[in-house]
Amino acid sequence: MLTDGRDSLSASLPAAVAQLPAGDPVQRVLRTLGERMVDELRDLRGRVLALEPPGPQGTVSPAWFALTDRYVLVLAAAAVLGVWRHSDALSDPFLADPAWAAAALHRIAGRLGIRDVDLPEECLSRVHREVLTRFRDPHGFDLYNLPLAG
């Protein structure tokens, strides 16, 4: 949207959100937050198009930097949804759980100033349980969940 179709990550966001289930409270929050990210992406496009183009020496107004920061957060949200959508419950049940994705989008939304969506308590309890399991086992606290040496 901001890159004239040359950015597949931002282009994936509206399609990913359109396919999100909304059957239980966690899924509904995930969908709502995803919709807010799509709204933010559309708003950003309009705001960027309204900016003065960069000057002859490549100088830009500070607004470019603020909007870039917001855009990167929207890209992070798109990446979260992509990882969640393509996760396999057999290989990693945690990544297939919408709770972590909802919690991640909630955190990103907060950084964007979107604070009117309440996160179900079960999201944080599921993430907390996974963190404790990975600490105990020990495994990395990343998307790969690989065993740690030592």
Foldseek 3Di string as FASTA:
>chain_A
DQVVPPDVLLVCLVVLLVPQDCDDPLSVLLSVLSVVLPVLVVVLNVVVVPADAADPVRDGDCVVVVSVVLVVLSSVLSVLSVQCVPDDCVVPVLSVDSLQSSVSSQVSCVVVVNNPRDRDPVSVVSLVVVCVVCVVVPFDPDPVRHHDDD
